Amino acid sequence: MTLFKGEVESVLFPGTYGDFQILNNHAPIVSTLTKGKVKILGKISIEKDVKDKFEYNEKETTLNIKSGTVEMNNNHVTLLID
């Protein structure tokens, strides 16, 4: 299931070896994730049927995860989560 597609300013991840941030033109990376919050910075639009999975405030949108994997390549982030 796709929860979100769109452009953002940056994304912060709870990496297995510590939190890290991905910005525009970041070098390619694949990393495992641990339990925590994925923080999406920037104005985004989320489909109505999955809005309950996200938390919002004026600065960021967060998504709680149990674990996962993230890949960044050619300015595209793919996030696979539990």
C-alpha atoms as a PDB file:
ATOM      1  CA  MET A   1       0.000   0.000   0.000  1.00  0.00           C
ATOM      2  CA  THR A   2       1.305   3.455  -0.854  1.00  0.00           C
ATOM      3  CA  LEU A   3       0.826   5.936   1.988  1.00  0.00           C
ATOM      4  CA  PHE A   4       2.278   9.040   0.342  1.00  0.00           C
ATOM      5  CA  LYS A   5       3.837  10.277  -2.903  1.00  0.00           C
ATOM      6  CA  GLY A   6       5.083  13.796  -3.435  1.00  0.00           C
ATOM      7  CA  GLU A   7       7.889  16.307  -3.040  1.00  0.00           C
ATOM      8  CA  VAL A   8       9.230  17.257   0.389  1.00  0.00           C
ATOM      9  CA  GLU A   9      12.017  19.421   1.803  1.00  0.00           C
ATOM     10  CA  SER A  10      13.636  16.671   3.874  1.00  0.00           C
ATOM     11  CA  VAL A  11      12.941  13.451   5.744  1.00  0.00           C
ATOM     12  CA  LEU A  12      14.386  12.380   9.107  1.00  0.00           C
ATOM     13  CA  PHE A  13      14.671   8.647   9.816  1.00  0.00           C
ATOM     14  CA  PRO A  14      15.277   6.530  12.946  1.00  0.00           C
ATOM     15  CA  GLY A  15      18.258   4.579  11.582  1.00  0.00           C
ATOM     16  CA  THR A  16      19.485   1.370  13.184  1.00  0.00           C
ATOM     17  CA  TYR A  17      22.776   3.138  14.026  1.00  0.00           C
ATOM     18  CA  GLY A  18      21.264   6.527  14.783  1.00  0.00           C
ATOM     19  CA  ASP A  19      18.910   9.106  13.329  1.00  0.00           C
ATOM     20  CA  PHE A  20      19.754  10.641   9.961  1.00  0.00           C
ATOM     21  CA  GLN A  21      18.275  13.145   7.518  1.00  0.00           C
ATOM     22  CA  ILE A  22      17.903  13.004   3.739  1.00  0.00           C
ATOM     23  CA  LEU A  23      17.824  16.249   1.751  1.00  0.00           C
ATOM     24  CA  ASN A  24      17.555  17.054  -1.957  1.00  0.00           C
ATOM     25  CA  ASN A  25      20.441  15.593  -4.023  1.00  0.00           C
ATOM     26  CA  HIS A  26      21.556  13.296  -1.199  1.00  0.00           C
ATOM     27  CA  ALA A  27      24.025  10.600  -2.182  1.00  0.00           C
ATOM     28  CA  PRO A  28      22.462   7.196  -2.895  1.00  0.00           C
ATOM     29  CA  ILE A  29      21.876   5.252   0.315  1.00  0.00           C
ATOM     30  CA  VAL A  30      20.169   2.107   1.589  1.00  0.00           C
ATOM     31  CA  SER A  31      19.652   1.806   5.343  1.00  0.00           C
ATOM     32  CA  THR A  32      17.716  -0.212   7.880  1.00  0.00           C
ATOM     33  CA  LEU A  33      15.394   1.560  10.288  1.00  0.00           C
ATOM     34  CA  THR A  34      14.361   0.911  13.851  1.00  0.00           C
ATOM     35  CA  LYS A  35      11.294   1.769  15.928  1.00  0.00           C
ATOM     36  CA  GLY A  36      10.648   5.492  15.972  1.00  0.00           C
ATOM     37  CA  LYS A  37       9.229   8.403  14.016  1.00  0.00           C
ATOM     38  CA  VAL A  38       9.796   9.267  10.372  1.00  0.00           C
ATOM     39  CA  LYS A  39       9.592  13.074  10.180  1.00  0.00           C
ATOM     40  CA  ILE A  40       8.603  14.636   6.860  1.00  0.00           C
ATOM     41  CA  LEU A  41       9.339  18.340   6.485  1.00  0.00           C
ATOM     42  CA  GLY A  42       7.376  20.306   3.912  1.00  0.00           C
ATOM     43  CA  LYS A  43       3.767  20.724   2.862  1.00  0.00           C
ATOM     44  CA  ILE A  44       2.346  17.387   1.773  1.00  0.00           C
ATOM     45  CA  SER A  45      -0.983  15.940   0.767  1.00  0.00           C
ATOM     46  CA  ILE A  46      -2.016  12.537   2.115  1.00  0.00           C
ATOM     47  CA  GLU A  47      -4.900  10.400   0.914  1.00  0.00           C
ATOM     48  CA  LYS A  48      -7.964  10.435   3.206  1.00  0.00           C
ATOM     49  CA  ASP A  49      -7.947   6.671   3.763  1.00  0.00           C
ATOM     50  CA  VAL A  50      -4.452   6.720   5.397  1.00  0.00           C
ATOM     51  CA  LYS A  51      -4.508  10.086   7.239  1.00  0.00           C
ATOM     52  CA  ASP A  52      -4.991   8.294  10.576  1.00  0.00           C
ATOM     53  CA  LYS A  53      -1.473   6.804  10.264  1.00  0.00           C
ATOM     54  CA  PHE A  54       0.152  10.271  10.384  1.00  0.00           C
ATOM     55  CA  GLU A  55       0.519  13.030  12.983  1.00  0.00           C
ATOM     56  CA  TYR A  56       0.656  16.679  11.906  1.00  0.00           C
ATOM     57  CA  ASN A  57       1.826  20.023  13.205  1.00  0.00           C
ATOM     58  CA  GLU A  58       2.823  23.300  11.534  1.00  0.00           C
ATOM     59  CA  LYS A  59       6.408  22.200  10.841  1.00  0.00           C
ATOM     60  CA  GLU A  60       6.267  18.485  10.106  1.00  0.00           C
ATOM     61  CA  THR A  61       4.299  15.341   9.478  1.00  0.00           C
ATOM     62  CA  THR A  62       5.318  12.230  11.400  1.00  0.00           C
ATOM     63  CA  LEU A  63       4.750   8.535  10.880  1.00  0.00           C
ATOM     64  CA  ASN A  64       5.412   6.006  13.662  1.00  0.00           C
ATOM     65  CA  ILE A  65       7.169   2.845  12.479  1.00  0.00           C
ATOM     66  CA  LYS A  66       8.265  -0.427  14.088  1.00  0.00           C
ATOM     67  CA  SER A  67      11.076  -1.115  11.618  1.00  0.00           C
ATOM     68  CA  GLY A  68      11.875  -0.741   7.954  1.00  0.00           C
ATOM     69  CA  THR A  69      14.269  -0.055   5.129  1.00  0.00           C
ATOM     70  CA  VAL A  70      14.859   3.169   3.210  1.00  0.00           C
ATOM     71  CA  GLU A  71      16.492   3.708  -0.167  1.00  0.00           C
ATOM     72  CA  MET A  72      17.459   7.083  -1.664  1.00  0.00           C
ATOM     73  CA  ASN A  73      18.460   7.124  -5.333  1.00  0.00           C
ATOM     74  CA  ASN A  74      18.141   9.883  -7.969  1.00  0.00           C
ATOM     75  CA  ASN A  75      16.180  12.137  -5.568  1.00  0.00           C
ATOM     76  CA  HIS A  76      13.575   9.441  -4.949  1.00  0.00           C
ATOM     77  CA  VAL A  77      13.063   7.975  -1.482  1.00  0.00           C
ATOM     78  CA  THR A  78      11.459   4.557  -1.126  1.00  0.00           C
ATOM     79  CA  LEU A  79      10.427   3.564   2.377  1.00  0.00           C
ATOM     80  CA  LEU A  80       9.356   0.022   3.275  1.00  0.00           C
ATOM     81  CA  ILE A  81       7.984  -0.150   6.825  1.00  0.00           C
ATOM     82  CA  ASP A  82       6.247  -2.261   9.433  1.00  0.00           C
END
